[in-house]
């Protein structure tokens, strides 16, 4: 899901950047037990926003999203 959203932004992301965002997304989705599509979309949007604003460390993502 998050890779599709990344590509929809029109900004080119390196493969490792997409993998980072996907790992964070999957980890948080599981930890927060997010099952509804709308909530998964919101989480993906927040992760992409943070990435676009300079967050590049997995621990920083997790801390920011909790």
PDB file of N, CA and C in Angstrom:
ATOM      1  N   UNK A   1       0.812  -1.194   0.000  1.00  0.00           N
ATOM      2  CA  UNK A   1       0.000   0.000   0.000  1.00  0.00           C
ATOM      3  C   UNK A   1       0.858   1.262   0.000  1.00  0.00           C
ATOM      4  N   UNK A   2       1.842   1.319   0.858  1.00  0.00           N
ATOM      5  CA  UNK A   2       2.598   2.567   0.976  1.00  0.00           C
ATOM      6  C   UNK A   2       3.421   2.846  -0.276  1.00  0.00           C
ATOM      7  N   UNK A   3       3.879   1.820  -0.945  1.00  0.00           N
ATOM      8  CA  UNK A   3       4.632   2.051  -2.185  1.00  0.00           C
ATOM      9  C   UNK A   3       3.753   2.725  -3.235  1.00  0.00           C
ATOM     10  N   UNK A   4       2.513   2.296  -3.330  1.00  0.00           N
ATOM     11  CA  UNK A   4       1.587   2.942  -4.273  1.00  0.00           C
ATOM     12  C   UNK A   4       1.401   4.407  -3.924  1.00  0.00           C
ATOM     13  N   UNK A   5       1.242   4.697  -2.652  1.00  0.00           N
ATOM     14  CA  UNK A   5       1.063   6.087  -2.227  1.00  0.00           C
ATOM     15  C   UNK A   5       2.329   6.904  -2.496  1.00  0.00           C
ATOM     16  N   UNK A   6       3.487   6.303  -2.292  1.00  0.00           N
ATOM     17  CA  UNK A   6       4.731   7.000  -2.580  1.00  0.00           C
ATOM     18  C   UNK A   6       4.790   7.388  -4.055  1.00  0.00           C
ATOM     19  N   UNK A   7       4.462   6.451  -4.920  1.00  0.00           N
ATOM     20  CA  UNK A   7       4.526   6.718  -6.347  1.00  0.00           C
ATOM     21  C   UNK A   7       3.459   7.712  -6.787  1.00  0.00           C
ATOM     22  N   UNK A   8       2.334   7.748  -6.094  1.00  0.00           N
ATOM     23  CA  UNK A   8       1.267   8.698  -6.412  1.00  0.00           C
ATOM     24  C   UNK A   8       1.671  10.135  -6.107  1.00  0.00           C
ATOM     25  N   UNK A   9       2.643  10.315  -5.222  1.00  0.00           N
ATOM     26  CA  UNK A   9       3.067  11.676  -4.882  1.00  0.00           C
ATOM     27  C   UNK A   9       3.783  12.345  -6.041  1.00  0.00           C
ATOM     28  N   UNK A  10       4.284  11.544  -6.983  1.00  0.00           N
ATOM     29  CA  UNK A  10       5.001  12.104  -8.110  1.00  0.00           C
ATOM     30  C   UNK A  10       6.452  12.418  -7.807  1.00  0.00           C
ATOM     31  N   UNK A  11       6.883  12.136  -6.604  1.00  0.00           N
ATOM     32  CA  UNK A  11       8.272  12.360  -6.208  1.00  0.00           C
ATOM     33  C   UNK A  11       9.016  11.036  -6.339  1.00  0.00           C
ATOM     34  N   UNK A  12      10.196  11.082  -6.902  1.00  0.00           N
ATOM     35  CA  UNK A  12      10.952   9.839  -7.048  1.00  0.00           C
ATOM     36  C   UNK A  12      11.619   9.486  -5.716  1.00  0.00           C
ATOM     37  N   UNK A  13      11.462   8.242  -5.346  1.00  0.00           N
ATOM     38  CA  UNK A  13      12.043   7.718  -4.121  1.00  0.00           C
ATOM     39  C   UNK A  13      12.992   6.590  -4.491  1.00  0.00           C
ATOM     40  N   UNK A  14      14.116   6.533  -3.824  1.00  0.00           N
ATOM     41  CA  UNK A  14      15.029   5.411  -4.000  1.00  0.00           C
ATOM     42  C   UNK A  14      14.386   4.163  -3.409  1.00  0.00           C
ATOM     43  N   UNK A  15      14.783   3.028  -3.911  1.00  0.00           N
ATOM     44  CA  UNK A  15      14.221   1.760  -3.435  1.00  0.00           C
ATOM     45  C   UNK A  15      14.377   1.623  -1.924  1.00  0.00           C
ATOM     46  N   UNK A  16      15.534   1.988  -1.398  1.00  0.00           N
ATOM     47  CA  UNK A  16      15.746   1.852   0.057  1.00  0.00           C
ATOM     48  C   UNK A  16      14.844   2.799   0.846  1.00  0.00           C
ATOM     49  N   UNK A  17      14.499   3.939   0.273  1.00  0.00           N
ATOM     50  CA  UNK A  17      13.573   4.859   0.938  1.00  0.00           C
ATOM     51  C   UNK A  17      12.167   4.263   0.994  1.00  0.00           C
ATOM     52  N   UNK A  18      11.748   3.684  -0.117  1.00  0.00           N
ATOM     53  CA  UNK A  18      10.432   3.031  -0.159  1.00  0.00           C
ATOM     54  C   UNK A  18      10.392   1.862   0.822  1.00  0.00           C
ATOM     55  N   UNK A  19      11.477   1.105   0.895  1.00  0.00           N
ATOM     56  CA  UNK A  19      11.537  -0.029   1.826  1.00  0.00           C
ATOM     57  C   UNK A  19      11.481   0.446   3.270  1.00  0.00           C
ATOM     58  N   UNK A  20      12.158   1.538   3.580  1.00  0.00           N
ATOM     59  CA  UNK A  20      12.112   2.109   4.930  1.00  0.00           C
ATOM     60  C   UNK A  20      10.685   2.495   5.287  1.00  0.00           C
ATOM     61  N   UNK A  21      10.037   3.234   4.417  1.00  0.00           N
ATOM     62  CA  UNK A  21       8.661   3.668   4.680  1.00  0.00           C
ATOM     63  C   UNK A  21       7.727   2.468   4.826  1.00  0.00           C
ATOM     64  N   UNK A  22       7.944   1.448   4.013  1.00  0.00           N
ATOM     65  CA  UNK A  22       7.102   0.257   4.088  1.00  0.00           C
ATOM     66  C   UNK A  22       7.315  -0.499   5.400  1.00  0.00           C
ATOM     67  N   UNK A  23       8.574  -0.612   5.831  1.00  0.00           N
ATOM     68  CA  UNK A  23       8.857  -1.276   7.118  1.00  0.00           C
ATOM     69  C   UNK A  23       8.175  -0.547   8.263  1.00  0.00           C
ATOM     70  N   UNK A  24       8.308   0.771   8.271  1.00  0.00           N
ATOM     71  CA  UNK A  24       7.692   1.574   9.322  1.00  0.00           C
ATOM     72  C   UNK A  24       6.176   1.411   9.281  1.00  0.00           C
ATOM     73  N   UNK A  25       5.608   1.483   8.090  1.00  0.00           N
ATOM     74  CA  UNK A  25       4.163   1.323   7.925  1.00  0.00           C
ATOM     75  C   UNK A  25       3.707  -0.032   8.476  1.00  0.00           C
ATOM     76  N   UNK A  26       4.360  -1.101   8.065  1.00  0.00           N
ATOM     77  CA  UNK A  26       3.961  -2.443   8.503  1.00  0.00           C
ATOM     78  C   UNK A  26       4.132  -2.616  10.003  1.00  0.00           C
ATOM     79  N   UNK A  27       5.209  -2.097  10.538  1.00  0.00           N
ATOM     80  CA  UNK A  27       5.451  -2.211  11.988  1.00  0.00           C
ATOM     81  C   UNK A  27       4.370  -1.474  12.783  1.00  0.00           C
ATOM     82  N   UNK A  28       4.060  -0.238  12.380  1.00  0.00           N
ATOM     83  CA  UNK A  28       3.053   0.542  13.102  1.00  0.00           C
ATOM     84  C   UNK A  28       1.647   0.001  12.892  1.00  0.00           C
ATOM     85  N   UNK A  29       1.365  -0.440  11.683  1.00  0.00           N
ATOM     86  CA  UNK A  29       0.038  -1.008  11.396  1.00  0.00           C
ATOM     87  C   UNK A  29      -0.215  -2.216  12.283  1.00  0.00           C
ATOM     88  N   UNK A  30       0.799  -3.054  12.418  1.00  0.00           N
ATOM     89  CA  UNK A  30       0.663  -4.245  13.254  1.00  0.00           C
ATOM     90  C   UNK A  30       0.578  -3.871  14.732  1.00  0.00           C
ATOM     91  N   UNK A  31       1.464  -3.010  15.189  1.00  0.00           N
ATOM     92  CA  UNK A  31       1.497  -2.629  16.603  1.00  0.00           C
ATOM     93  C   UNK A  31       0.208  -1.944  17.038  1.00  0.00           C
ATOM     94  N   UNK A  32      -0.342  -1.109  16.160  1.00  0.00           N
ATOM     95  CA  UNK A  32      -1.564  -0.377  16.494  1.00  0.00           C
ATOM     96  C   UNK A  32      -2.826  -1.112  16.074  1.00  0.00           C
ATOM     97  N   UNK A  33      -2.644  -2.289  15.475  1.00  0.00           N
ATOM     98  CA  UNK A  33      -3.759  -3.123  15.019  1.00  0.00           C
ATOM     99  C   UNK A  33      -4.705  -2.326  14.116  1.00  0.00           C
ATOM    100  N   UNK A  34      -4.129  -1.665  13.135  1.00  0.00           N
ATOM    101  CA  UNK A  34      -4.906  -0.855  12.203  1.00  0.00           C
ATOM    102  C   UNK A  34      -5.429  -1.762  11.094  1.00  0.00           C
ATOM    103  N   UNK A  35      -6.738  -1.875  11.006  1.00  0.00           N
ATOM    104  CA  UNK A  35      -7.330  -2.763  10.012  1.00  0.00           C
ATOM    105  C   UNK A  35      -8.200  -2.024   8.992  1.00  0.00           C
ATOM    106  N   UNK A  36      -8.764  -0.896   9.378  1.00  0.00           N
ATOM    107  CA  UNK A  36      -9.626  -0.171   8.455  1.00  0.00           C
ATOM    108  C   UNK A  36      -8.785   0.551   7.395  1.00  0.00           C
ATOM    109  N   UNK A  37      -9.241   0.470   6.170  1.00  0.00           N
ATOM    110  CA  UNK A  37      -8.530   1.090   5.049  1.00  0.00           C
ATOM    111  C   UNK A  37      -8.283   2.580   5.277  1.00  0.00           C
ATOM    112  N   UNK A  38      -9.262   3.275   5.767  1.00  0.00           N
ATOM    113  CA  UNK A  38      -9.116   4.725   5.975  1.00  0.00           C
ATOM    114  C   UNK A  38      -8.007   5.036   6.965  1.00  0.00           C
ATOM    115  N   UNK A  39      -7.879   4.214   7.991  1.00  0.00           N
ATOM    116  CA  UNK A  39      -6.835   4.423   8.993  1.00  0.00           C
ATOM    117  C   UNK A  39      -5.461   4.040   8.445  1.00  0.00           C
ATOM    118  N   UNK A  40      -5.417   3.018   7.595  1.00  0.00           N
ATOM    119  CA  UNK A  40      -4.147   2.656   6.954  1.00  0.00           C
ATOM    120  C   UNK A  40      -3.699   3.776   6.023  1.00  0.00           C
ATOM    121  N   UNK A  41      -4.656   4.364   5.308  1.00  0.00           N
ATOM    122  CA  UNK A  41      -4.329   5.484   4.409  1.00  0.00           C
ATOM    123  C   UNK A  41      -3.800   6.675   5.202  1.00  0.00           C
ATOM    124  N   UNK A  42      -4.430   6.966   6.333  1.00  0.00           N
ATOM    125  CA  UNK A  42      -3.973   8.076   7.176  1.00  0.00           C
ATOM    126  C   UNK A  42      -2.552   7.835   7.677  1.00  0.00           C
ATOM    127  N   UNK A  43      -2.281   6.608   8.099  1.00  0.00           N
ATOM    128  CA  UNK A  43      -0.938   6.273   8.572  1.00  0.00           C
ATOM    129  C   UNK A  43       0.078   6.422   7.441  1.00  0.00           C
ATOM    130  N   UNK A  44      -0.253   5.917   6.274  1.00  0.00           N
ATOM    131  CA  UNK A  44       0.647   6.036   5.122  1.00  0.00           C
ATOM    132  C   UNK A  44       0.912   7.501   4.799  1.00  0.00           C
ATOM    133  N   UNK A  45      -0.125   8.320   4.820  1.00  0.00           N
ATOM    134  CA  UNK A  45       0.039   9.752   4.545  1.00  0.00           C
ATOM    135  C   UNK A  45       0.963  10.413   5.560  1.00  0.00           C
ATOM    136  N   UNK A  46       0.827  10.052   6.832  1.00  0.00           N
ATOM    137  CA  UNK A  46       1.680  10.627   7.881  1.00  0.00           C
ATOM    138  C   UNK A  46       3.142  10.218   7.691  1.00  0.00           C
ATOM    139  N   UNK A  47       3.358   8.967   7.330  1.00  0.00           N
ATOM    140  CA  UNK A  47       4.719   8.478   7.115  1.00  0.00           C
ATOM    141  C   UNK A  47       5.348   9.200   5.926  1.00  0.00           C
ATOM    142  N   UNK A  48       4.605   9.335   4.856  1.00  0.00           N
ATOM    143  CA  UNK A  48       5.117  10.023   3.669  1.00  0.00           C
ATOM    144  C   UNK A  48       5.394  11.495   3.988  1.00  0.00           C
ATOM    145  N   UNK A  49       4.505  12.128   4.721  1.00  0.00           N
ATOM    146  CA  UNK A  49       4.718  13.526   5.107  1.00  0.00           C
ATOM    147  C   UNK A  49       6.020  13.654   5.893  1.00  0.00           C
ATOM    148  N   UNK A  50       6.206  12.766   6.888  1.00  0.00           N
ATOM    149  CA  UNK A  50       7.419  12.825   7.712  1.00  0.00           C
ATOM    150  C   UNK A  50       8.659  12.590   6.855  1.00  0.00           C
ATOM    151  N   UNK A  51       8.584  11.629   5.946  1.00  0.00           N
ATOM    152  CA  UNK A  51       9.725  11.348   5.080  1.00  0.00           C
ATOM    153  C   UNK A  51      10.060  12.567   4.230  1.00  0.00           C
ATOM    154  N   UNK A  52       9.045  13.182   3.661  1.00  0.00           N
ATOM    155  CA  UNK A  52       9.262  14.351   2.807  1.00  0.00           C
ATOM    156  C   UNK A  52       9.815  15.539   3.590  1.00  0.00           C
ATOM    157  N   UNK A  53       9.642  15.509   4.911  1.00  0.00           N
ATOM    158  CA  UNK A  53      10.136  16.592   5.758  1.00  0.00           C
ATOM    159  C   UNK A  53      11.414  16.207   6.510  1.00  0.00           C
ATOM    160  N   UNK A  54      12.090  15.178   6.031  1.00  0.00           N
ATOM    161  CA  UNK A  54      13.427  14.884   6.518  1.00  0.00           C
ATOM    162  C   UNK A  54      13.610  13.725   7.466  1.00  0.00           C
ATOM    163  N   UNK A  55      12.551  13.058   7.884  1.00  0.00           N
ATOM    164  CA  UNK A  55      12.724  11.911   8.787  1.00  0.00           C
ATOM    165  C   UNK A  55      13.258  10.745   7.961  1.00  0.00           C
ATOM    166  N   UNK A  56      14.414  10.226   8.363  1.00  0.00           N
ATOM    167  CA  UNK A  56      15.044   9.134   7.618  1.00  0.00           C
ATOM    168  C   UNK A  56      15.453   7.963   8.510  1.00  0.00           C
ATOM    169  N   UNK A  57      15.251   8.097   9.788  1.00  0.00           N
ATOM    170  CA  UNK A  57      15.647   7.062  10.737  1.00  0.00           C
ATOM    171  C   UNK A  57      14.409   6.318  11.221  1.00  0.00           C
ATOM    172  N   UNK A  58      14.468   5.001  11.177  1.00  0.00           N
ATOM    173  CA  UNK A  58      13.318   4.175  11.543  1.00  0.00           C
ATOM    174  C   UNK A  58      12.852   4.453  12.976  1.00  0.00           C
ATOM    175  N   UNK A  59      13.778   4.600  13.888  1.00  0.00           N
ATOM    176  CA  UNK A  59      13.414   4.878  15.278  1.00  0.00           C
ATOM    177  C   UNK A  59      12.718   6.239  15.395  1.00  0.00           C
ATOM    178  N   UNK A  60      13.188   7.203  14.635  1.00  0.00           N
ATOM    179  CA  UNK A  60      12.541   8.534  14.656  1.00  0.00           C
ATOM    180  C   UNK A  60      11.108   8.456  14.129  1.00  0.00           C
ATOM    181  N   UNK A  61      10.913   7.666  13.067  1.00  0.00           N
ATOM    182  CA  UNK A  61       9.566   7.466  12.544  1.00  0.00           C
ATOM    183  C   UNK A  61       8.652   6.905  13.625  1.00  0.00           C
ATOM    184  N   UNK A  62       9.106   5.839  14.249  1.00  0.00           N
ATOM    185  CA  UNK A  62       8.291   5.158  15.258  1.00  0.00           C
ATOM    186  C   UNK A  62       7.957   6.122  16.395  1.00  0.00           C
ATOM    187  N   UNK A  63       8.949   6.829  16.860  1.00  0.00           N
ATOM    188  CA  UNK A  63       8.750   7.781  17.958  1.00  0.00           C
ATOM    189  C   UNK A  63       7.759   8.875  17.547  1.00  0.00           C
ATOM    190  N   UNK A  64       7.872   9.366  16.351  1.00  0.00           N
ATOM    191  CA  UNK A  64       7.012  10.425  15.849  1.00  0.00           C
ATOM    192  C   UNK A  64       5.566   9.951  15.679  1.00  0.00           C
ATOM    193  N   UNK A  65       5.380   8.714  15.282  1.00  0.00           N
ATOM    194  CA  UNK A  65       4.036   8.208  14.963  1.00  0.00           C
ATOM    195  C   UNK A  65       3.308   7.625  16.167  1.00  0.00           C
ATOM    196  N   UNK A  66       4.010   7.407  17.267  1.00  0.00           N
ATOM    197  CA  UNK A  66       3.340   6.787  18.429  1.00  0.00           C
ATOM    198  C   UNK A  66       2.538   7.782  19.209  1.00  0.00           C
TER     199      UNK A  66
END
